[in-house]
Every structure is written in structure tokens, then in C-alpha cells.
Amino acid sequence: MILALGVLFYALYRRTHPVQQARPASGGPYSLEIRPLPVSHTLALGDFEVPARSSHDVKIVLDEPHMQNARVTGNFSTESVSGIQVMLLNEIEYNQFTGDHKIPPGFLYLSKTTTNGNIQAAIPQAGNYYLVFDNSPSDSSIKVKAEVTVHYETVHVDTPPAQPPPPKK
């Protein structure tokens, strides 16, 4: 995939920066360096309360066009002994969940109902995702503390510095 992106970037670069003249033999071949750059976005969730028979939903929008290896990591805990269930859903799964508050057949992450846990989920592609703290089965509100980060890599293409023009004869 990185090789394909490199070829695409090279083709786009060549289209917008055509070769003006033949290079002298000492100039060497033209090269591009493609490298992944790690990106992290911390979601400022902190402390919040999830009402009884409800959920606290956090929308995560990933629209970076060259995003790869995306994942969500973090942890959560509650002050209640009854616990909470946490899930990561894509847009379609989230719409199913909000329609009937039943766990959809597909999901990216699903915890059991617990007082604390770690979140680790891969995100397959750009789009809208929802981190849901579900308290719908409970008759009492629950206080939650969560620290969540979205990680991914984006591609950066380095081009060599421009060569000075050859001396005039």
C-alpha cells in the first residue's frame, strides 16, 4: 500500500513539476523518500455522567485521506459497582444501536459490563465512528472517567532540494 501511494505521489509530482532539461550525469537519479508520520489525537473525555437507561456517545471523525493503521486506545473506569458497557461502532452499526439499543451484530470493540477496562480497536478506514458508553440496562446514573486516544499514520513524501542550474558556458 505504501508503495502504491509512493507511485501515486511520484506521478502527481511529475505531472505538476515536469523535467525542464536533461540532467547532467553527475546529478544522479531523482528520488523520493516516503515515510509514515505518526499522529495522535487525545479525546478530552475526562469525567462525565451517563444517565440511567441512556448512553454517552462520542463521535470520532476520521477523514484524513492518507490515513493508515488507525486505532483507538485508552481506558475507562466507573465509580459504580454495577459498571458500564463500552463499544466502538461504525456509522451503520451506530444507527442500528440508536434505533433499538441492542448491540449490533458487527462492532469494532465491545467490552463486557464492567467497572473498568482498556480499549484497543483497529479502525479499518476513514469515516464516522462512535465510542458508546452504554448504561441503557441500568436504573441509575453512573459516573465514568475515560482517557481515549486516536492514533494513525499519514504518509509524508520528502523530495530532494532543488539543484542549482548548471553554469553557463
N, C-alpha and C. Protein backbone atom coordinates (compact mmCIF):
# COMPACT_ATOMS: atom_id res chain seq x y z
N MET A 1 0.83 -1.17 0.00
CA MET A 1 0.00 0.00 0.00
C MET A 1 0.88 1.25 0.00
N ILE A 2 1.96 1.23 0.78
CA ILE A 2 2.86 2.38 0.82
C ILE A 2 3.52 2.56 -0.54
N LEU A 3 3.88 1.45 -1.17
CA LEU A 3 4.49 1.53 -2.49
C LEU A 3 3.52 2.14 -3.49
N ALA A 4 2.25 1.74 -3.43
CA ALA A 4 1.24 2.29 -4.34
C ALA A 4 1.06 3.78 -4.10
N LEU A 5 1.03 4.20 -2.85
CA LEU A 5 0.92 5.62 -2.55
C LEU A 5 2.15 6.37 -3.05
N GLY A 6 3.33 5.77 -2.91
CA GLY A 6 4.55 6.39 -3.40
C GLY A 6 4.50 6.60 -4.90
N VAL A 7 4.05 5.59 -5.62
CA VAL A 7 3.94 5.71 -7.07
C VAL A 7 2.95 6.80 -7.43
N LEU A 8 1.81 6.85 -6.73
CA LEU A 8 0.80 7.88 -6.97
C LEU A 8 1.38 9.27 -6.72
N PHE A 9 2.06 9.46 -5.59
CA PHE A 9 2.65 10.75 -5.29
C PHE A 9 3.71 11.13 -6.33
N TYR A 10 4.51 10.16 -6.74
CA TYR A 10 5.53 10.43 -7.75
C TYR A 10 4.88 10.86 -9.06
N ALA A 11 3.82 10.17 -9.47
CA ALA A 11 3.13 10.53 -10.72
C ALA A 11 2.53 11.93 -10.62
N LEU A 12 1.92 12.24 -9.50
CA LEU A 12 1.36 13.58 -9.32
C LEU A 12 2.46 14.64 -9.33
N TYR A 13 3.57 14.36 -8.69
CA TYR A 13 4.67 15.31 -8.66
C TYR A 13 5.21 15.52 -10.08
N ARG A 14 5.39 14.45 -10.82
CA ARG A 14 5.93 14.57 -12.18
C ARG A 14 4.98 15.35 -13.07
N ARG A 15 3.67 15.20 -12.83
CA ARG A 15 2.68 15.92 -13.64
C ARG A 15 2.75 17.42 -13.37
N THR A 16 2.95 17.81 -12.12
CA THR A 16 2.97 19.23 -11.77
C THR A 16 4.36 19.84 -11.84
N HIS A 17 5.42 19.02 -11.91
CA HIS A 17 6.79 19.51 -11.98
C HIS A 17 7.53 18.77 -13.10
N PRO A 18 7.22 19.09 -14.36
CA PRO A 18 7.88 18.37 -15.45
C PRO A 18 9.37 18.70 -15.51
N VAL A 19 10.12 17.78 -16.05
CA VAL A 19 11.56 17.97 -16.19
C VAL A 19 11.78 19.03 -17.26
N GLN A 20 12.55 20.06 -16.94
CA GLN A 20 12.78 21.18 -17.86
C GLN A 20 13.90 20.86 -18.85
N GLN A 21 14.92 20.20 -18.40
CA GLN A 21 16.05 19.88 -19.28
C GLN A 21 16.69 18.60 -18.80
N ALA A 22 17.51 18.04 -19.65
CA ALA A 22 18.21 16.81 -19.28
C ALA A 22 19.18 17.11 -18.14
N ARG A 23 19.30 16.19 -17.24
CA ARG A 23 20.20 16.35 -16.10
C ARG A 23 21.59 15.87 -16.48
N PRO A 24 22.58 16.56 -15.97
CA PRO A 24 23.93 16.06 -16.21
C PRO A 24 24.13 14.72 -15.51
N ALA A 25 25.05 13.95 -16.02
CA ALA A 25 25.31 12.62 -15.46
C ALA A 25 25.69 12.70 -14.00
N SER A 26 26.32 13.79 -13.56
CA SER A 26 26.74 13.89 -12.17
C SER A 26 25.56 14.20 -11.24
N GLY A 27 24.40 14.59 -11.79
CA GLY A 27 23.24 14.95 -10.97
C GLY A 27 22.59 13.75 -10.32
N GLY A 28 22.76 12.57 -10.84
CA GLY A 28 22.21 11.36 -10.26
C GLY A 28 20.71 11.24 -10.51
N PRO A 29 20.13 10.10 -10.13
CA PRO A 29 18.70 9.88 -10.34
C PRO A 29 17.87 10.71 -9.36
N TYR A 30 16.66 10.98 -9.75
CA TYR A 30 15.74 11.73 -8.92
C TYR A 30 15.05 10.75 -7.97
N SER A 31 15.00 11.06 -6.68
CA SER A 31 14.41 10.10 -5.74
C SER A 31 13.44 10.80 -4.80
N LEU A 32 12.49 10.04 -4.32
CA LEU A 32 11.51 10.49 -3.33
C LEU A 32 11.64 9.59 -2.12
N GLU A 33 11.53 10.16 -0.96
CA GLU A 33 11.53 9.36 0.26
C GLU A 33 10.13 9.42 0.86
N ILE A 34 9.53 8.27 1.00
CA ILE A 34 8.18 8.18 1.56
C ILE A 34 8.30 7.59 2.95
N ARG A 35 7.73 8.29 3.93
CA ARG A 35 7.82 7.79 5.30
C ARG A 35 6.51 8.05 6.03
N PRO A 36 6.14 7.14 6.92
CA PRO A 36 4.93 7.35 7.71
C PRO A 36 5.20 8.33 8.86
N LEU A 37 4.24 9.19 9.12
CA LEU A 37 4.32 10.10 10.25
C LEU A 37 3.24 9.71 11.26
N PRO A 38 3.61 9.40 12.49
CA PRO A 38 2.59 9.04 13.48
C PRO A 38 1.81 10.29 13.93
N VAL A 39 0.50 10.12 14.07
CA VAL A 39 -0.39 11.19 14.52
C VAL A 39 -1.23 10.64 15.66
N SER A 40 -1.41 11.43 16.73
CA SER A 40 -2.25 11.04 17.86
C SER A 40 -3.17 12.20 18.22
N HIS A 41 -4.43 11.88 18.44
CA HIS A 41 -5.41 12.87 18.89
C HIS A 41 -6.03 12.36 20.18
N THR A 42 -5.81 13.09 21.25
CA THR A 42 -6.41 12.70 22.53
C THR A 42 -7.81 13.28 22.62
N LEU A 43 -8.77 12.42 22.92
CA LEU A 43 -10.15 12.87 23.11
C LEU A 43 -10.30 13.33 24.55
N ALA A 44 -10.71 14.56 24.75
CA ALA A 44 -10.84 15.13 26.09
C ALA A 44 -12.15 14.67 26.72
N LEU A 45 -12.19 13.43 27.15
CA LEU A 45 -13.42 12.90 27.74
C LEU A 45 -13.49 13.17 29.24
N GLY A 46 -12.41 12.92 29.95
CA GLY A 46 -12.38 13.20 31.39
C GLY A 46 -13.47 12.49 32.16
N ASP A 47 -14.09 13.21 33.11
CA ASP A 47 -15.18 12.68 33.94
C ASP A 47 -16.51 13.11 33.36
N PHE A 48 -17.45 12.19 33.30
CA PHE A 48 -18.80 12.50 32.83
C PHE A 48 -19.79 11.53 33.46
N GLU A 49 -21.05 11.89 33.38
CA GLU A 49 -22.10 11.05 33.95
C GLU A 49 -23.00 10.54 32.83
N VAL A 50 -23.32 9.26 32.91
CA VAL A 50 -24.22 8.64 31.93
C VAL A 50 -25.54 8.39 32.65
N PRO A 51 -26.62 9.06 32.22
CA PRO A 51 -27.91 8.88 32.89
C PRO A 51 -28.42 7.44 32.81
N ALA A 52 -29.34 7.12 33.70
CA ALA A 52 -29.98 5.80 33.69
C ALA A 52 -30.71 5.60 32.37
N ARG A 53 -30.69 4.37 31.89
CA ARG A 53 -31.38 3.99 30.66
C ARG A 53 -30.96 4.84 29.46
N SER A 54 -29.68 5.17 29.42
CA SER A 54 -29.18 6.04 28.36
C SER A 54 -27.75 5.64 28.00
N SER A 55 -27.16 6.40 27.09
CA SER A 55 -25.76 6.19 26.73
C SER A 55 -25.11 7.54 26.50
N HIS A 56 -23.80 7.54 26.60
CA HIS A 56 -22.98 8.72 26.31
C HIS A 56 -22.19 8.37 25.07
N ASP A 57 -22.46 9.10 23.97
CA ASP A 57 -21.87 8.76 22.69
C ASP A 57 -20.85 9.82 22.28
N VAL A 58 -19.69 9.38 21.83
CA VAL A 58 -18.62 10.27 21.40
C VAL A 58 -18.37 9.99 19.92
N LYS A 59 -18.59 11.01 19.09
CA LYS A 59 -18.37 10.85 17.65
C LYS A 59 -16.90 11.07 17.34
N ILE A 60 -16.34 10.16 16.54
CA ILE A 60 -14.95 10.24 16.10
C ILE A 60 -14.97 10.31 14.58
N VAL A 61 -14.49 11.42 14.03
CA VAL A 61 -14.47 11.59 12.58
C VAL A 61 -13.04 11.43 12.09
N LEU A 62 -12.85 10.45 11.23
CA LEU A 62 -11.54 10.20 10.63
C LEU A 62 -11.67 10.42 9.13
N ASP A 63 -11.21 11.58 8.68
CA ASP A 63 -11.34 11.89 7.26
C ASP A 63 -10.01 12.19 6.59
N GLU A 64 -8.93 11.88 7.26
CA GLU A 64 -7.60 12.09 6.69
C GLU A 64 -7.48 11.20 5.45
N PRO A 65 -7.23 11.78 4.27
CA PRO A 65 -7.23 10.97 3.05
C PRO A 65 -6.10 9.95 2.97
N HIS A 66 -4.99 10.19 3.65
CA HIS A 66 -3.88 9.25 3.56
C HIS A 66 -3.63 8.56 4.89
N MET A 67 -4.68 8.36 5.66
CA MET A 67 -4.60 7.73 6.96
C MET A 67 -4.39 6.23 6.80
N GLN A 68 -3.54 5.67 7.64
CA GLN A 68 -3.35 4.22 7.63
C GLN A 68 -3.05 3.76 9.05
N ASN A 69 -3.30 2.49 9.31
CA ASN A 69 -3.05 1.88 10.62
C ASN A 69 -3.75 2.65 11.75
N ALA A 70 -4.99 3.05 11.53
CA ALA A 70 -5.74 3.80 12.56
C ALA A 70 -6.19 2.86 13.67
N ARG A 71 -6.18 3.40 14.89
CA ARG A 71 -6.62 2.61 16.05
C ARG A 71 -7.05 3.55 17.17
N VAL A 72 -7.88 3.03 18.03
CA VAL A 72 -8.34 3.75 19.22
C VAL A 72 -7.81 2.98 20.42
N THR A 73 -7.18 3.70 21.35
CA THR A 73 -6.70 3.07 22.58
C THR A 73 -7.10 3.94 23.76
N GLY A 74 -7.19 3.34 24.90
CA GLY A 74 -7.49 4.10 26.10
C GLY A 74 -7.97 3.21 27.22
N ASN A 75 -8.56 3.87 28.23
CA ASN A 75 -9.11 3.13 29.37
C ASN A 75 -10.28 3.89 29.94
N PHE A 76 -11.08 3.19 30.73
CA PHE A 76 -12.24 3.79 31.39
C PHE A 76 -12.44 3.14 32.74
N SER A 77 -13.10 3.87 33.61
CA SER A 77 -13.45 3.32 34.93
C SER A 77 -14.72 4.02 35.41
N THR A 78 -15.41 3.36 36.34
CA THR A 78 -16.64 3.92 36.91
C THR A 78 -16.54 3.97 38.43
N GLU A 79 -17.39 4.79 39.02
CA GLU A 79 -17.46 4.84 40.48
C GLU A 79 -18.53 3.90 41.01
N SER A 80 -19.23 3.25 40.12
CA SER A 80 -20.33 2.37 40.49
C SER A 80 -19.88 0.91 40.50
N VAL A 81 -20.53 0.11 41.29
CA VAL A 81 -20.23 -1.33 41.31
C VAL A 81 -20.94 -2.05 40.17
N SER A 82 -21.94 -1.40 39.57
CA SER A 82 -22.68 -2.06 38.50
C SER A 82 -21.95 -2.04 37.17
N GLY A 83 -21.10 -1.04 36.93
CA GLY A 83 -20.31 -1.00 35.71
C GLY A 83 -21.06 -0.46 34.51
N ILE A 84 -20.34 -0.41 33.40
CA ILE A 84 -20.87 0.11 32.14
C ILE A 84 -20.32 -0.72 30.99
N GLN A 85 -21.00 -0.71 29.87
CA GLN A 85 -20.52 -1.41 28.68
C GLN A 85 -20.05 -0.36 27.67
N VAL A 86 -18.90 -0.61 27.06
CA VAL A 86 -18.33 0.33 26.10
C VAL A 86 -18.19 -0.37 24.76
N MET A 87 -18.53 0.36 23.69
CA MET A 87 -18.41 -0.21 22.35
C MET A 87 -17.95 0.86 21.36
N LEU A 88 -17.28 0.43 20.32
CA LEU A 88 -16.89 1.29 19.22
C LEU A 88 -17.61 0.78 17.98
N LEU A 89 -18.40 1.68 17.37
CA LEU A 89 -19.25 1.30 16.24
C LEU A 89 -18.99 2.19 15.04
N ASN A 90 -19.17 1.64 13.85
CA ASN A 90 -19.13 2.48 12.67
C ASN A 90 -20.50 3.14 12.50
N GLU A 91 -20.66 3.96 11.49
CA GLU A 91 -21.91 4.73 11.31
C GLU A 91 -23.14 3.82 11.18
N ILE A 92 -23.04 2.76 10.40
CA ILE A 92 -24.19 1.86 10.19
C ILE A 92 -24.54 1.15 11.49
N GLU A 93 -23.53 0.62 12.18
CA GLU A 93 -23.78 -0.07 13.45
C GLU A 93 -24.37 0.88 14.48
N TYR A 94 -23.87 2.11 14.51
CA TYR A 94 -24.37 3.11 15.46
C TYR A 94 -25.85 3.42 15.19
N ASN A 95 -26.22 3.56 13.93
CA ASN A 95 -27.63 3.82 13.59
C ASN A 95 -28.52 2.66 14.02
N GLN A 96 -28.03 1.44 13.88
CA GLN A 96 -28.79 0.27 14.35
C GLN A 96 -28.93 0.33 15.87
N PHE A 97 -27.85 0.66 16.56
CA PHE A 97 -27.87 0.70 18.03
C PHE A 97 -28.82 1.78 18.53
N THR A 98 -28.78 2.98 17.94
CA THR A 98 -29.65 4.06 18.41
C THR A 98 -31.12 3.78 18.09
N GLY A 99 -31.38 2.94 17.10
CA GLY A 99 -32.76 2.61 16.77
C GLY A 99 -33.42 1.70 17.80
N ASP A 100 -32.69 0.72 18.31
CA ASP A 100 -33.32 -0.23 19.23
C ASP A 100 -32.51 -0.51 20.51
N HIS A 101 -31.37 0.15 20.69
CA HIS A 101 -30.49 -0.02 21.85
C HIS A 101 -30.08 -1.48 22.08
N LYS A 102 -30.00 -2.22 20.98
CA LYS A 102 -29.47 -3.57 21.04
C LYS A 102 -28.10 -3.55 20.38
N ILE A 103 -27.21 -4.36 20.89
CA ILE A 103 -25.86 -4.41 20.33
C ILE A 103 -25.95 -4.97 18.91
N PRO A 104 -25.42 -4.22 17.92
CA PRO A 104 -25.49 -4.71 16.54
C PRO A 104 -24.60 -5.94 16.35
N PRO A 105 -24.88 -6.73 15.33
CA PRO A 105 -24.09 -7.94 15.12
C PRO A 105 -22.62 -7.66 14.81
N GLY A 106 -22.32 -6.50 14.23
CA GLY A 106 -20.93 -6.14 13.97
C GLY A 106 -20.52 -4.99 14.86
N PHE A 107 -19.29 -4.98 15.29
CA PHE A 107 -18.75 -3.88 16.10
C PHE A 107 -17.24 -3.96 16.02
N LEU A 108 -16.58 -2.83 16.30
CA LEU A 108 -15.13 -2.79 16.27
C LEU A 108 -14.53 -3.10 17.64
N TYR A 109 -15.28 -2.76 18.69
CA TYR A 109 -14.85 -3.03 20.05
C TYR A 109 -16.10 -3.18 20.90
N LEU A 110 -16.08 -4.13 21.82
CA LEU A 110 -17.20 -4.34 22.74
C LEU A 110 -16.65 -4.89 24.05
N SER A 111 -16.90 -4.15 25.14
CA SER A 111 -16.49 -4.64 26.45
C SER A 111 -17.67 -5.35 27.09
N LYS A 112 -17.41 -6.14 28.08
CA LYS A 112 -18.49 -6.65 28.90
C LYS A 112 -18.89 -5.51 29.83
N THR A 113 -19.99 -5.63 30.52
CA THR A 113 -20.37 -4.63 31.52
C THR A 113 -19.39 -4.77 32.68
N THR A 114 -18.64 -3.69 32.92
CA THR A 114 -17.56 -3.76 33.89
C THR A 114 -17.31 -2.40 34.52
N THR A 115 -16.59 -2.38 35.62
CA THR A 115 -16.28 -1.13 36.31
C THR A 115 -15.03 -0.46 35.75
N ASN A 116 -14.21 -1.20 34.99
CA ASN A 116 -13.03 -0.60 34.35
C ASN A 116 -12.57 -1.50 33.22
N GLY A 117 -11.85 -0.90 32.29
CA GLY A 117 -11.35 -1.69 31.17
C GLY A 117 -10.44 -0.89 30.28
N ASN A 118 -9.79 -1.61 29.38
CA ASN A 118 -8.92 -1.00 28.38
C ASN A 118 -9.58 -1.10 27.02
N ILE A 119 -9.43 -0.05 26.24
CA ILE A 119 -9.99 0.00 24.89
C ILE A 119 -8.84 -0.15 23.91
N GLN A 120 -8.95 -1.11 23.01
CA GLN A 120 -7.97 -1.34 21.95
C GLN A 120 -8.75 -1.79 20.73
N ALA A 121 -8.80 -0.95 19.69
CA ALA A 121 -9.54 -1.33 18.49
C ALA A 121 -8.89 -0.73 17.26
N ALA A 122 -8.80 -1.53 16.22
CA ALA A 122 -8.31 -1.05 14.92
C ALA A 122 -9.48 -0.45 14.16
N ILE A 123 -9.19 0.62 13.42
CA ILE A 123 -10.21 1.27 12.59
C ILE A 123 -9.82 0.99 11.14
N PRO A 124 -10.70 0.33 10.38
CA PRO A 124 -10.31 -0.14 9.06
C PRO A 124 -10.17 0.94 7.98
N GLN A 125 -10.90 2.04 8.09
CA GLN A 125 -10.88 3.06 7.03
C GLN A 125 -11.40 4.38 7.56
N ALA A 126 -11.23 5.44 6.78
CA ALA A 126 -11.75 6.75 7.16
C ALA A 126 -13.28 6.68 7.25
N GLY A 127 -13.86 7.52 8.09
CA GLY A 127 -15.31 7.56 8.24
C GLY A 127 -15.70 8.07 9.62
N ASN A 128 -16.98 7.94 9.93
CA ASN A 128 -17.51 8.34 11.24
C ASN A 128 -17.65 7.11 12.12
N TYR A 129 -17.14 7.25 13.34
CA TYR A 129 -17.20 6.17 14.32
C TYR A 129 -17.75 6.74 15.62
N TYR A 130 -18.28 5.86 16.47
CA TYR A 130 -18.89 6.29 17.72
C TYR A 130 -18.40 5.41 18.85
N LEU A 131 -17.84 6.07 19.87
CA LEU A 131 -17.46 5.39 21.09
C LEU A 131 -18.65 5.55 22.03
N VAL A 132 -19.30 4.44 22.37
CA VAL A 132 -20.55 4.48 23.12
C VAL A 132 -20.33 3.90 24.51
N PHE A 133 -20.68 4.69 25.53
CA PHE A 133 -20.69 4.24 26.92
C PHE A 133 -22.15 3.95 27.25
N ASP A 134 -22.51 2.67 27.24
CA ASP A 134 -23.92 2.26 27.32
C ASP A 134 -24.34 1.92 28.75
N ASN A 135 -25.31 2.69 29.23
CA ASN A 135 -25.89 2.46 30.56
C ASN A 135 -27.39 2.18 30.43
N SER A 136 -27.82 1.75 29.24
CA SER A 136 -29.26 1.56 29.00
C SER A 136 -29.91 0.48 29.85
N PRO A 137 -29.22 -0.57 30.30
CA PRO A 137 -29.91 -1.56 31.14
C PRO A 137 -30.10 -1.11 32.59
N SER A 138 -29.42 -0.04 33.02
CA SER A 138 -29.41 0.33 34.43
C SER A 138 -30.51 1.32 34.79
N ASP A 139 -30.98 1.24 36.03
CA ASP A 139 -31.99 2.17 36.55
C ASP A 139 -31.36 3.36 37.28
N SER A 140 -30.03 3.43 37.32
CA SER A 140 -29.38 4.55 38.00
C SER A 140 -28.26 5.10 37.13
N SER A 141 -27.99 6.39 37.31
CA SER A 141 -26.91 7.01 36.54
C SER A 141 -25.56 6.49 37.04
N ILE A 142 -24.54 6.71 36.23
CA ILE A 142 -23.21 6.20 36.57
C ILE A 142 -22.17 7.24 36.17
N LYS A 143 -21.18 7.42 37.05
CA LYS A 143 -20.08 8.34 36.76
C LYS A 143 -18.94 7.56 36.13
N VAL A 144 -18.41 8.13 35.02
CA VAL A 144 -17.37 7.45 34.24
C VAL A 144 -16.19 8.40 34.08
N LYS A 145 -15.01 7.82 34.09
CA LYS A 145 -13.78 8.55 33.76
C LYS A 145 -13.14 7.80 32.61
N ALA A 146 -12.79 8.55 31.53
CA ALA A 146 -12.22 7.88 30.36
C ALA A 146 -11.09 8.71 29.77
N GLU A 147 -10.05 8.01 29.35
CA GLU A 147 -8.93 8.60 28.62
C GLU A 147 -8.78 7.80 27.33
N VAL A 148 -9.01 8.47 26.19
CA VAL A 148 -9.00 7.77 24.91
C VAL A 148 -8.18 8.57 23.90
N THR A 149 -7.42 7.86 23.08
CA THR A 149 -6.60 8.50 22.06
C THR A 149 -6.81 7.78 20.73
N VAL A 150 -6.88 8.57 19.66
CA VAL A 150 -6.96 8.04 18.30
C VAL A 150 -5.56 8.17 17.70
N HIS A 151 -5.03 7.07 17.20
CA HIS A 151 -3.69 7.03 16.59
C HIS A 151 -3.83 6.62 15.13
N TYR A 152 -2.99 7.20 14.29
CA TYR A 152 -2.87 6.71 12.92
C TYR A 152 -1.56 7.23 12.34
N GLU A 153 -1.24 6.77 11.16
CA GLU A 153 -0.06 7.23 10.44
C GLU A 153 -0.53 7.87 9.15
N THR A 154 0.16 8.92 8.77
CA THR A 154 -0.10 9.55 7.49
C THR A 154 1.20 9.52 6.70
N VAL A 155 1.10 9.58 5.39
CA VAL A 155 2.27 9.45 4.54
C VAL A 155 2.84 10.84 4.26
N HIS A 156 4.15 10.94 4.37
CA HIS A 156 4.86 12.18 4.04
C HIS A 156 5.88 11.85 2.96
N VAL A 157 5.91 12.68 1.91
CA VAL A 157 6.86 12.47 0.83
C VAL A 157 7.90 13.57 0.89
N ASP A 158 9.16 13.18 1.02
CA ASP A 158 10.28 14.13 1.01
C ASP A 158 10.88 14.15 -0.39
N THR A 159 11.10 15.35 -0.89
CA THR A 159 11.77 15.48 -2.18
C THR A 159 13.14 16.09 -1.94
N PRO A 160 14.10 15.76 -2.76
CA PRO A 160 15.43 16.33 -2.56
C PRO A 160 15.40 17.83 -2.85
N PRO A 161 16.35 18.57 -2.30
CA PRO A 161 16.38 20.00 -2.57
C PRO A 161 16.61 20.27 -4.05
N ALA A 162 16.13 21.41 -4.50
CA ALA A 162 16.28 21.77 -5.92
C ALA A 162 17.76 21.92 -6.25
N GLN A 163 18.14 21.42 -7.40
CA GLN A 163 19.52 21.51 -7.86
C GLN A 163 19.72 22.88 -8.50
N PRO A 164 20.87 23.53 -8.25
CA PRO A 164 21.12 24.80 -8.92
C PRO A 164 21.31 24.56 -10.41
N PRO A 165 20.98 25.55 -11.23
CA PRO A 165 21.15 25.35 -12.68
C PRO A 165 22.63 25.19 -13.02
N PRO A 166 22.93 24.45 -14.07
CA PRO A 166 24.34 24.25 -14.45
C PRO A 166 24.94 25.59 -14.89
N PRO A 167 26.24 25.76 -14.67
CA PRO A 167 26.88 27.03 -15.07
C PRO A 167 26.82 27.19 -16.59
N LYS A 168 26.65 28.45 -17.01
CA LYS A 168 26.60 28.72 -18.45
C LYS A 168 28.02 28.72 -19.01
N LYS A 169 28.14 28.23 -20.21
CA LYS A 169 29.46 28.16 -20.85
C LYS A 169 29.68 29.32 -21.75
